[in-house]
Amino acid sequence: MGVKERRERNKENLRQEILDAAREMFATEGYQSVSMRKIADKIEYSPTTIYLYFKDKNELLNQVCDETFAELGGRINAIMLKEANPMVSLREGMREYINFG
């Protein structure tokens, strides 16, 4: 693996680390109580680093929501593809929705 690929992988890993920390903190502390500085402290980087990836806290929240809804959608879609019976598919999809939360 070349230097360029490694840098890109490290960049994506840090972006994901920021998203994971933000998701956890938004869920446990509430959006209003979380600052970019708190997120930076949790991942042991400076707030400036976070701003290299996300314009502001609102953009960070939107990315967390997009990622979360995509994951939920993927899980429900997998159930729909696996189950031929629409009623069973609906029931299993709703169960997955409830368990996801």
PDB file of N, CA and C in Angstrom:
ATOM      1  N   MET A   1       0.846  -1.178   0.000  1.00  0.00           N
ATOM      2  CA  MET A   1       0.000   0.000   0.000  1.00  0.00           C
ATOM      3  C   MET A   1       0.888   1.236   0.000  1.00  0.00           C
ATOM      4  N   GLY A   2       0.551   2.182  -0.866  1.00  0.00           N
ATOM      5  CA  GLY A   2       1.344   3.391  -0.981  1.00  0.00           C
ATOM      6  C   GLY A   2       0.999   4.418   0.076  1.00  0.00           C
ATOM      7  N   VAL A   3       1.810   5.459   0.125  1.00  0.00           N
ATOM      8  CA  VAL A   3       1.629   6.537   1.100  1.00  0.00           C
ATOM      9  C   VAL A   3       0.285   7.227   0.893  1.00  0.00           C
ATOM     10  N   LYS A   4      -0.067   7.477  -0.357  1.00  0.00           N
ATOM     11  CA  LYS A   4      -1.326   8.164  -0.661  1.00  0.00           C
ATOM     12  C   LYS A   4      -2.527   7.359  -0.159  1.00  0.00           C
ATOM     13  N   GLU A   5      -2.528   6.067  -0.400  1.00  0.00           N
ATOM     14  CA  GLU A   5      -3.624   5.210   0.045  1.00  0.00           C
ATOM     15  C   GLU A   5      -3.710   5.171   1.564  1.00  0.00           C
ATOM     16  N   ARG A   6      -2.550   5.110   2.218  1.00  0.00           N
ATOM     17  CA  ARG A   6      -2.516   5.075   3.675  1.00  0.00           C
ATOM     18  C   ARG A   6      -3.081   6.373   4.253  1.00  0.00           C
ATOM     19  N   ARG A   7      -2.702   7.498   3.660  1.00  0.00           N
ATOM     20  CA  ARG A   7      -3.221   8.793   4.126  1.00  0.00           C
ATOM     21  C   ARG A   7      -4.742   8.859   3.982  1.00  0.00           C
ATOM     22  N   GLU A   8      -5.231   8.396   2.846  1.00  0.00           N
ATOM     23  CA  GLU A   8      -6.683   8.407   2.617  1.00  0.00           C
ATOM     24  C   GLU A   8      -7.398   7.507   3.625  1.00  0.00           C
ATOM     25  N   ARG A   9      -6.828   6.341   3.882  1.00  0.00           N
ATOM     26  CA  ARG A   9      -7.425   5.426   4.856  1.00  0.00           C
ATOM     27  C   ARG A   9      -7.417   6.055   6.242  1.00  0.00           C
ATOM     28  N   ASN A  10      -6.296   6.676   6.635  1.00  0.00           N
ATOM     29  CA  ASN A  10      -6.212   7.329   7.943  1.00  0.00           C
ATOM     30  C   ASN A  10      -7.208   8.476   8.049  1.00  0.00           C
ATOM     31  N   LYS A  11      -7.364   9.215   6.964  1.00  0.00           N
ATOM     32  CA  LYS A  11      -8.306  10.325   6.930  1.00  0.00           C
ATOM     33  C   LYS A  11      -9.739   9.821   7.135  1.00  0.00           C
ATOM     34  N   GLU A  12     -10.087   8.754   6.428  1.00  0.00           N
ATOM     35  CA  GLU A  12     -11.431   8.180   6.559  1.00  0.00           C
ATOM     36  C   GLU A  12     -11.637   7.587   7.949  1.00  0.00           C
ATOM     37  N   ASN A  13     -10.609   6.960   8.507  1.00  0.00           N
ATOM     38  CA  ASN A  13     -10.717   6.407   9.861  1.00  0.00           C
ATOM     39  C   ASN A  13     -10.961   7.506  10.884  1.00  0.00           C
ATOM     40  N   LEU A  14     -10.266   8.635  10.750  1.00  0.00           N
ATOM     41  CA  LEU A  14     -10.467   9.745  11.680  1.00  0.00           C
ATOM     42  C   LEU A  14     -11.861  10.333  11.513  1.00  0.00           C
ATOM     43  N   ARG A  15     -12.314  10.477  10.289  1.00  0.00           N
ATOM     44  CA  ARG A  15     -13.666  10.982  10.046  1.00  0.00           C
ATOM     45  C   ARG A  15     -14.690  10.084  10.736  1.00  0.00           C
ATOM     46  N   GLN A  16     -14.514   8.772  10.606  1.00  0.00           N
ATOM     47  CA  GLN A  16     -15.438   7.832  11.235  1.00  0.00           C
ATOM     48  C   GLN A  16     -15.334   7.901  12.755  1.00  0.00           C
ATOM     49  N   GLU A  17     -14.146   8.090  13.274  1.00  0.00           N
ATOM     50  CA  GLU A  17     -13.962   8.223  14.723  1.00  0.00           C
ATOM     51  C   GLU A  17     -14.709   9.451  15.245  1.00  0.00           C
ATOM     52  N   ILE A  18     -14.651  10.542  14.504  1.00  0.00           N
ATOM     53  CA  ILE A  18     -15.385  11.757  14.878  1.00  0.00           C
ATOM     54  C   ILE A  18     -16.888  11.479  14.875  1.00  0.00           C
ATOM     55  N   LEU A  19     -17.378  10.840  13.816  1.00  0.00           N
ATOM     56  CA  LEU A  19     -18.802  10.520  13.723  1.00  0.00           C
ATOM     57  C   LEU A  19     -19.250   9.602  14.855  1.00  0.00           C
ATOM     58  N   ASP A  20     -18.462   8.591  15.165  1.00  0.00           N
ATOM     59  CA  ASP A  20     -18.814   7.654  16.237  1.00  0.00           C
ATOM     60  C   ASP A  20     -18.872   8.354  17.589  1.00  0.00           C
ATOM     61  N   ALA A  21     -17.895   9.207  17.860  1.00  0.00           N
ATOM     62  CA  ALA A  21     -17.877   9.942  19.128  1.00  0.00           C
ATOM     63  C   ALA A  21     -19.070  10.883  19.208  1.00  0.00           C
ATOM     64  N   ALA A  22     -19.350  11.588  18.121  1.00  0.00           N
ATOM     65  CA  ALA A  22     -20.482  12.514  18.101  1.00  0.00           C
ATOM     66  C   ALA A  22     -21.794  11.764  18.306  1.00  0.00           C
ATOM     67  N   ARG A  23     -21.971  10.634  17.627  1.00  0.00           N
ATOM     68  CA  ARG A  23     -23.200   9.846  17.766  1.00  0.00           C
ATOM     69  C   ARG A  23     -23.413   9.448  19.225  1.00  0.00           C
ATOM     70  N   GLU A  24     -22.381   8.935  19.837  1.00  0.00           N
ATOM     71  CA  GLU A  24     -22.471   8.499  21.229  1.00  0.00           C
ATOM     72  C   GLU A  24     -22.794   9.675  22.151  1.00  0.00           C
ATOM     73  N   MET A  25     -22.104  10.785  21.959  1.00  0.00           N
ATOM     74  CA  MET A  25     -22.302  11.939  22.837  1.00  0.00           C
ATOM     75  C   MET A  25     -23.665  12.598  22.615  1.00  0.00           C
ATOM     76  N   PHE A  26     -24.119  12.697  21.369  1.00  0.00           N
ATOM     77  CA  PHE A  26     -25.446  13.260  21.108  1.00  0.00           C
ATOM     78  C   PHE A  26     -26.514  12.405  21.781  1.00  0.00           C
ATOM     79  N   ALA A  27     -26.338  11.089  21.739  1.00  0.00           N
ATOM     80  CA  ALA A  27     -27.324  10.178  22.326  1.00  0.00           C
ATOM     81  C   ALA A  27     -27.322  10.229  23.846  1.00  0.00           C
ATOM     82  N   THR A  28     -26.157  10.358  24.455  1.00  0.00           N
ATOM     83  CA  THR A  28     -26.086  10.303  25.921  1.00  0.00           C
ATOM     84  C   THR A  28     -26.222  11.667  26.590  1.00  0.00           C
ATOM     85  N   GLU A  29     -25.684  12.716  25.947  1.00  0.00           N
ATOM     86  CA  GLU A  29     -25.677  14.041  26.573  1.00  0.00           C
ATOM     87  C   GLU A  29     -26.686  15.005  25.966  1.00  0.00           C
ATOM     88  N   GLY A  30     -27.174  14.694  24.778  1.00  0.00           N
ATOM     89  CA  GLY A  30     -28.080  15.594  24.074  1.00  0.00           C
ATOM     90  C   GLY A  30     -27.310  16.548  23.181  1.00  0.00           C
ATOM     91  N   TYR A  31     -27.913  16.874  22.056  1.00  0.00           N
ATOM     92  CA  TYR A  31     -27.258  17.708  21.045  1.00  0.00           C
ATOM     93  C   TYR A  31     -26.808  19.044  21.620  1.00  0.00           C
ATOM     94  N   GLN A  32     -27.670  19.704  22.376  1.00  0.00           N
ATOM     95  CA  GLN A  32     -27.357  21.038  22.896  1.00  0.00           C
ATOM     96  C   GLN A  32     -26.176  21.028  23.862  1.00  0.00           C
ATOM     97  N   SER A  33     -25.983  19.941  24.575  1.00  0.00           N
ATOM     98  CA  SER A  33     -24.921  19.868  25.587  1.00  0.00           C
ATOM     99  C   SER A  33     -23.556  19.518  25.006  1.00  0.00           C
ATOM    100  N   VAL A  34     -23.534  19.091  23.771  1.00  0.00           N
ATOM    101  CA  VAL A  34     -22.279  18.650  23.155  1.00  0.00           C
ATOM    102  C   VAL A  34     -21.698  19.784  22.313  1.00  0.00           C
ATOM    103  N   SER A  35     -20.426  20.034  22.510  1.00  0.00           N
ATOM    104  CA  SER A  35     -19.722  21.030  21.697  1.00  0.00           C
ATOM    105  C   SER A  35     -18.663  20.325  20.856  1.00  0.00           C
ATOM    106  N   MET A  36     -18.186  21.026  19.859  1.00  0.00           N
ATOM    107  CA  MET A  36     -17.106  20.472  19.044  1.00  0.00           C
ATOM    108  C   MET A  36     -15.874  20.231  19.916  1.00  0.00           C
ATOM    109  N   ARG A  37     -15.657  21.093  20.884  1.00  0.00           N
ATOM    110  CA  ARG A  37     -14.523  20.927  21.797  1.00  0.00           C
ATOM    111  C   ARG A  37     -14.671  19.636  22.614  1.00  0.00           C
ATOM    112  N   LYS A  38     -15.880  19.346  23.097  1.00  0.00           N
ATOM    113  CA  LYS A  38     -16.098  18.108  23.865  1.00  0.00           C
ATOM    114  C   LYS A  38     -15.823  16.875  23.002  1.00  0.00           C
ATOM    115  N   ILE A  39     -16.278  16.928  21.765  1.00  0.00           N
ATOM    116  CA  ILE A  39     -16.028  15.806  20.854  1.00  0.00           C
ATOM    117  C   ILE A  39     -14.529  15.661  20.621  1.00  0.00           C
ATOM    118  N   ALA A  40     -13.867  16.785  20.407  1.00  0.00           N
ATOM    119  CA  ALA A  40     -12.413  16.770  20.190  1.00  0.00           C
ATOM    120  C   ALA A  40     -11.692  16.189  21.402  1.00  0.00           C
ATOM    121  N   ASP A  41     -12.119  16.584  22.596  1.00  0.00           N
ATOM    122  CA  ASP A  41     -11.501  16.043  23.811  1.00  0.00           C
ATOM    123  C   ASP A  41     -11.674  14.531  23.887  1.00  0.00           C
ATOM    124  N   LYS A  42     -12.858  14.052  23.513  1.00  0.00           N
ATOM    125  CA  LYS A  42     -13.128  12.613  23.583  1.00  0.00           C
ATOM    126  C   LYS A  42     -12.213  11.820  22.650  1.00  0.00           C
ATOM    127  N   ILE A  43     -11.962  12.348  21.462  1.00  0.00           N
ATOM    128  CA  ILE A  43     -11.128  11.611  20.508  1.00  0.00           C
ATOM    129  C   ILE A  43      -9.659  12.027  20.582  1.00  0.00           C
ATOM    130  N   GLU A  44      -9.362  12.941  21.504  1.00  0.00           N
ATOM    131  CA  GLU A  44      -7.993  13.402  21.758  1.00  0.00           C
ATOM    132  C   GLU A  44      -7.364  14.082  20.538  1.00  0.00           C
ATOM    133  N   TYR A  45      -8.151  14.954  19.916  1.00  0.00           N
ATOM    134  CA  TYR A  45      -7.686  15.820  18.836  1.00  0.00           C
ATOM    135  C   TYR A  45      -8.126  17.234  19.155  1.00  0.00           C
ATOM    136  N   SER A  46      -7.623  18.196  18.407  1.00  0.00           N
ATOM    137  CA  SER A  46      -8.045  19.580  18.612  1.00  0.00           C
ATOM    138  C   SER A  46      -9.367  19.823  17.876  1.00  0.00           C
ATOM    139  N   PRO A  47     -10.158  20.787  18.345  1.00  0.00           N
ATOM    140  CA  PRO A  47     -11.392  21.122  17.628  1.00  0.00           C
ATOM    141  C   PRO A  47     -11.126  21.512  16.172  1.00  0.00           C
ATOM    142  N   THR A  48      -9.988  22.130  15.929  1.00  0.00           N
ATOM    143  CA  THR A  48      -9.630  22.523  14.564  1.00  0.00           C
ATOM    144  C   THR A  48      -9.627  21.322  13.629  1.00  0.00           C
ATOM    145  N   THR A  49      -9.174  20.192  14.120  1.00  0.00           N
ATOM    146  CA  THR A  49      -9.146  18.976  13.304  1.00  0.00           C
ATOM    147  C   THR A  49     -10.555  18.589  12.873  1.00  0.00           C
ATOM    148  N   ILE A  50     -11.511  18.690  13.789  1.00  0.00           N
ATOM    149  CA  ILE A  50     -12.892  18.335  13.450  1.00  0.00           C
ATOM    150  C   ILE A  50     -13.420  19.259  12.354  1.00  0.00           C
ATOM    151  N   TYR A  51     -13.067  20.544  12.450  1.00  0.00           N
ATOM    152  CA  TYR A  51     -13.536  21.501  11.444  1.00  0.00           C
ATOM    153  C   TYR A  51     -12.917  21.262  10.067  1.00  0.00           C
ATOM    154  N   LEU A  52     -11.871  20.490   9.989  1.00  0.00           N
ATOM    155  CA  LEU A  52     -11.330  20.103   8.689  1.00  0.00           C
ATOM    156  C   LEU A  52     -12.256  19.110   7.981  1.00  0.00           C
ATOM    157  N   TYR A  53     -13.064  18.405   8.770  1.00  0.00           N
ATOM    158  CA  TYR A  53     -13.957  17.380   8.244  1.00  0.00           C
ATOM    159  C   TYR A  53     -15.411  17.832   8.171  1.00  0.00           C
ATOM    160  N   PHE A  54     -15.813  18.689   9.111  1.00  0.00           N
ATOM    161  CA  PHE A  54     -17.210  19.116   9.208  1.00  0.00           C
ATOM    162  C   PHE A  54     -17.273  20.625   9.430  1.00  0.00           C
ATOM    163  N   LYS A  55     -18.134  21.293   8.674  1.00  0.00           N
ATOM    164  CA  LYS A  55     -18.249  22.750   8.720  1.00  0.00           C
ATOM    165  C   LYS A  55     -18.647  23.244  10.113  1.00  0.00           C
ATOM    166  N   ASP A  56     -19.603  22.535  10.731  1.00  0.00           N
ATOM    167  CA  ASP A  56     -20.088  22.928  12.049  1.00  0.00           C
ATOM    168  C   ASP A  56     -20.802  21.736  12.695  1.00  0.00           C
ATOM    169  N   LYS A  57     -21.312  21.954  13.886  1.00  0.00           N
ATOM    170  CA  LYS A  57     -21.959  20.870  14.631  1.00  0.00           C
ATOM    171  C   LYS A  57     -23.215  20.386  13.910  1.00  0.00           C
ATOM    172  N   ASN A  58     -23.916  21.277  13.259  1.00  0.00           N
ATOM    173  CA  ASN A  58     -25.117  20.899  12.523  1.00  0.00           C
ATOM    174  C   ASN A  58     -24.786  19.949  11.367  1.00  0.00           C
ATOM    175  N   GLU A  59     -23.722  20.230  10.641  1.00  0.00           N
ATOM    176  CA  GLU A  59     -23.308  19.330   9.562  1.00  0.00           C
ATOM    177  C   GLU A  59     -22.901  17.967  10.131  1.00  0.00           C
ATOM    178  N   LEU A  60     -22.247  17.983  11.263  1.00  0.00           N
ATOM    179  CA  LEU A  60     -21.854  16.734  11.922  1.00  0.00           C
ATOM    180  C   LEU A  60     -23.095  15.926  12.302  1.00  0.00           C
ATOM    181  N   LEU A  61     -24.098  16.587  12.878  1.00  0.00           N
ATOM    182  CA  LEU A  61     -25.348  15.908  13.224  1.00  0.00           C
ATOM    183  C   LEU A  61     -26.018  15.338  11.978  1.00  0.00           C
ATOM    184  N   ASN A  62     -26.057  16.108  10.907  1.00  0.00           N
ATOM    185  CA  ASN A  62     -26.668  15.618   9.668  1.00  0.00           C
ATOM    186  C   ASN A  62     -25.959  14.375   9.150  1.00  0.00           C
ATOM    187  N   GLN A  63     -24.637  14.343   9.233  1.00  0.00           N
ATOM    188  CA  GLN A  63     -23.880  13.170   8.787  1.00  0.00           C
ATOM    189  C   GLN A  63     -24.155  11.963   9.685  1.00  0.00           C
ATOM    190  N   VAL A  64     -24.255  12.205  10.993  1.00  0.00           N
ATOM    191  CA  VAL A  64     -24.593  11.125  11.929  1.00  0.00           C
ATOM    192  C   VAL A  64     -25.970  10.562  11.572  1.00  0.00           C
ATOM    193  N   CYS A  65     -26.934  11.442  11.322  1.00  0.00           N
ATOM    194  CA  CYS A  65     -28.286  10.996  10.962  1.00  0.00           C
ATOM    195  C   CYS A  65     -28.279  10.227   9.646  1.00  0.00           C
ATOM    196  N   ASP A  66     -27.587  10.751   8.638  1.00  0.00           N
ATOM    197  CA  ASP A  66     -27.518  10.060   7.344  1.00  0.00           C
ATOM    198  C   ASP A  66     -26.952   8.657   7.503  1.00  0.00           C
ATOM    199  N   GLU A  67     -25.874   8.548   8.260  1.00  0.00           N
ATOM    200  CA  GLU A  67     -25.225   7.252   8.461  1.00  0.00           C
ATOM    201  C   GLU A  67     -26.145   6.291   9.222  1.00  0.00           C
ATOM    202  N   THR A  68     -26.805   6.807  10.243  1.00  0.00           N
ATOM    203  CA  THR A  68     -27.679   5.984  11.073  1.00  0.00           C
ATOM    204  C   THR A  68     -28.887   5.491  10.280  1.00  0.00           C
ATOM    205  N   PHE A  69     -29.522   6.395   9.531  1.00  0.00           N
ATOM    206  CA  PHE A  69     -30.681   5.994   8.732  1.00  0.00           C
ATOM    207  C   PHE A  69     -30.285   5.033   7.614  1.00  0.00           C
ATOM    208  N   ALA A  70     -29.113   5.211   7.046  1.00  0.00           N
ATOM    209  CA  ALA A  70     -28.635   4.291   6.011  1.00  0.00           C
ATOM    210  C   ALA A  70     -28.440   2.892   6.591  1.00  0.00           C
ATOM    211  N   GLU A  71     -27.899   2.823   7.795  1.00  0.00           N
ATOM    212  CA  GLU A  71     -27.713   1.515   8.439  1.00  0.00           C
ATOM    213  C   GLU A  71     -29.057   0.849   8.711  1.00  0.00           C
ATOM    214  N   LEU A  72     -30.004   1.608   9.263  1.00  0.00           N
ATOM    215  CA  LEU A  72     -31.332   1.059   9.535  1.00  0.00           C
ATOM    216  C   LEU A  72     -32.003   0.620   8.235  1.00  0.00           C
ATOM    217  N   GLY A  73     -31.925   1.459   7.213  1.00  0.00           N
ATOM    218  CA  GLY A  73     -32.517   1.111   5.924  1.00  0.00           C
ATOM    219  C   GLY A  73     -31.920  -0.159   5.343  1.00  0.00           C
ATOM    220  N   GLY A  74     -30.625  -0.318   5.489  1.00  0.00           N
ATOM    221  CA  GLY A  74     -29.967  -1.524   5.007  1.00  0.00           C
ATOM    222  C   GLY A  74     -30.450  -2.773   5.722  1.00  0.00           C
ATOM    223  N   ARG A  75     -30.639  -2.652   7.013  1.00  0.00           N
ATOM    224  CA  ARG A  75     -31.125  -3.807   7.786  1.00  0.00           C
ATOM    225  C   ARG A  75     -32.546  -4.192   7.376  1.00  0.00           C
ATOM    226  N   ILE A  76     -33.406  -3.187   7.232  1.00  0.00           N
ATOM    227  CA  ILE A  76     -34.793  -3.461   6.853  1.00  0.00           C
ATOM    228  C   ILE A  76     -34.852  -3.985   5.420  1.00  0.00           C
ATOM    229  N   ASN A  77     -34.055  -3.430   4.550  1.00  0.00           N
ATOM    230  CA  ASN A  77     -34.008  -3.892   3.167  1.00  0.00           C
ATOM    231  C   ASN A  77     -33.574  -5.353   3.090  1.00  0.00           C
ATOM    232  N   ALA A  78     -32.603  -5.732   3.898  1.00  0.00           N
ATOM    233  CA  ALA A  78     -32.141  -7.129   3.919  1.00  0.00           C
ATOM    234  C   ALA A  78     -33.275  -8.065   4.327  1.00  0.00           C
ATOM    235  N   ILE A  79     -34.095  -7.631   5.279  1.00  0.00           N
ATOM    236  CA  ILE A  79     -35.243  -8.444   5.705  1.00  0.00           C
ATOM    237  C   ILE A  79     -36.233  -8.584   4.554  1.00  0.00           C
ATOM    238  N   MET A  80     -36.508  -7.484   3.870  1.00  0.00           N
ATOM    239  CA  MET A  80     -37.469  -7.512   2.766  1.00  0.00           C
ATOM    240  C   MET A  80     -36.997  -8.414   1.627  1.00  0.00           C
ATOM    241  N   LEU A  81     -35.702  -8.419   1.359  1.00  0.00           N
ATOM    242  CA  LEU A  81     -35.164  -9.263   0.293  1.00  0.00           C
ATOM    243  C   LEU A  81     -35.177 -10.738   0.674  1.00  0.00           C
ATOM    244  N   LYS A  82     -35.030 -11.006   1.962  1.00  0.00           N
ATOM    245  CA  LYS A  82     -34.958 -12.384   2.442  1.00  0.00           C
ATOM    246  C   LYS A  82     -36.346 -13.011   2.572  1.00  0.00           C
ATOM    247  N   GLU A  83     -37.330 -12.224   2.950  1.00  0.00           N
ATOM    248  CA  GLU A  83     -38.654 -12.746   3.283  1.00  0.00           C
ATOM    249  C   GLU A  83     -39.642 -12.498   2.147  1.00  0.00           C
ATOM    250  N   ALA A  84     -40.239 -13.565   1.622  1.00  0.00           N
ATOM    251  CA  ALA A  84     -41.184 -13.453   0.510  1.00  0.00           C
ATOM    252  C   ALA A  84     -42.576 -13.026   0.975  1.00  0.00           C
ATOM    253  N   ASN A  85     -42.962 -13.434   2.167  1.00  0.00           N
ATOM    254  CA  ASN A  85     -44.292 -13.111   2.686  1.00  0.00           C
ATOM    255  C   ASN A  85     -44.309 -11.656   3.169  1.00  0.00           C
ATOM    256  N   PRO A  86     -45.142 -10.794   2.565  1.00  0.00           N
ATOM    257  CA  PRO A  86     -45.136  -9.380   2.937  1.00  0.00           C
ATOM    258  C   PRO A  86     -45.508  -9.121   4.398  1.00  0.00           C
ATOM    259  N   MET A  87     -46.402  -9.905   4.954  1.00  0.00           N
ATOM    260  CA  MET A  87     -46.786  -9.697   6.356  1.00  0.00           C
ATOM    261  C   MET A  87     -45.639 -10.052   7.298  1.00  0.00           C
ATOM    262  N   VAL A  88     -44.955 -11.127   7.005  1.00  0.00           N
ATOM    263  CA  VAL A  88     -43.799 -11.516   7.816  1.00  0.00           C
ATOM    264  C   VAL A  88     -42.698 -10.474   7.649  1.00  0.00           C
ATOM    265  N   SER A  89     -42.508 -10.026   6.429  1.00  0.00           N
ATOM    266  CA  SER A  89     -41.503  -9.000   6.151  1.00  0.00           C
ATOM    267  C   SER A  89     -41.805  -7.721   6.927  1.00  0.00           C
ATOM    268  N   LEU A  90     -43.061  -7.305   6.928  1.00  0.00           N
ATOM    269  CA  LEU A  90     -43.466  -6.108   7.670  1.00  0.00           C
ATOM    270  C   LEU A  90     -43.222  -6.290   9.164  1.00  0.00           C
ATOM    271  N   ARG A  91     -43.640  -7.429   9.696  1.00  0.00           N
ATOM    272  CA  ARG A  91     -43.474  -7.697  11.128  1.00  0.00           C
ATOM    273  C   ARG A  91     -41.989  -7.720  11.507  1.00  0.00           C
ATOM    274  N   GLU A  92     -41.179  -8.407  10.715  1.00  0.00           N
ATOM    275  CA  GLU A  92     -39.745  -8.482  11.003  1.00  0.00           C
ATOM    276  C   GLU A  92     -39.074  -7.115  10.835  1.00  0.00           C
ATOM    277  N   GLY A  93     -39.519  -6.368   9.834  1.00  0.00           N
ATOM    278  CA  GLY A  93     -38.979  -5.027   9.629  1.00  0.00           C
ATOM    279  C   GLY A  93     -39.294  -4.107  10.798  1.00  0.00           C
ATOM    280  N   MET A  94     -40.517  -4.183  11.304  1.00  0.00           N
ATOM    281  CA  MET A  94     -40.901  -3.361  12.457  1.00  0.00           C
ATOM    282  C   MET A  94     -40.131  -3.791  13.706  1.00  0.00           C
ATOM    283  N   ARG A  95     -39.937  -5.086  13.853  1.00  0.00           N
ATOM    284  CA  ARG A  95     -39.160  -5.581  14.992  1.00  0.00           C
ATOM    285  C   ARG A  95     -37.726  -5.043  14.923  1.00  0.00           C
ATOM    286  N   GLU A  96     -37.146  -5.053  13.738  1.00  0.00           N
ATOM    287  CA  GLU A  96     -35.787  -4.532  13.556  1.00  0.00           C
ATOM    288  C   GLU A  96     -35.746  -3.038  13.855  1.00  0.00           C
ATOM    289  N   TYR A  97     -36.769  -2.315  13.420  1.00  0.00           N
ATOM    290  CA  TYR A  97     -36.861  -0.873  13.673  1.00  0.00           C
ATOM    291  C   TYR A  97     -36.882  -0.589  15.175  1.00  0.00           C
ATOM    292  N   ILE A  98     -37.689  -1.334  15.901  1.00  0.00           N
ATOM    293  CA  ILE A  98     -37.790  -1.150  17.357  1.00  0.00           C
ATOM    294  C   ILE A  98     -36.475  -1.519  18.035  1.00  0.00           C
ATOM    295  N   ASN A  99     -35.892  -2.637  17.657  1.00  0.00           N
ATOM    296  CA  ASN A  99     -34.627  -3.067  18.263  1.00  0.00           C
ATOM    297  C   ASN A  99     -33.478  -2.124  17.939  1.00  0.00           C
ATOM    298  N   PHE A 100     -33.531  -1.500  16.774  1.00  0.00           N
ATOM    299  CA  PHE A 100     -32.470  -0.588  16.358  1.00  0.00           C
ATOM    300  C   PHE A 100     -32.378   0.605  17.296  1.00  0.00           C
ATOM    301  N   GLY A 101     -33.534   1.083  17.726  1.00  0.00           N
ATOM    302  CA  GLY A 101     -33.566   2.273  18.598  1.00  0.00           C
ATOM    303  C   GLY A 101     -33.049   1.961  19.946  1.00  0.00           C
TER     304      GLY A 101
END
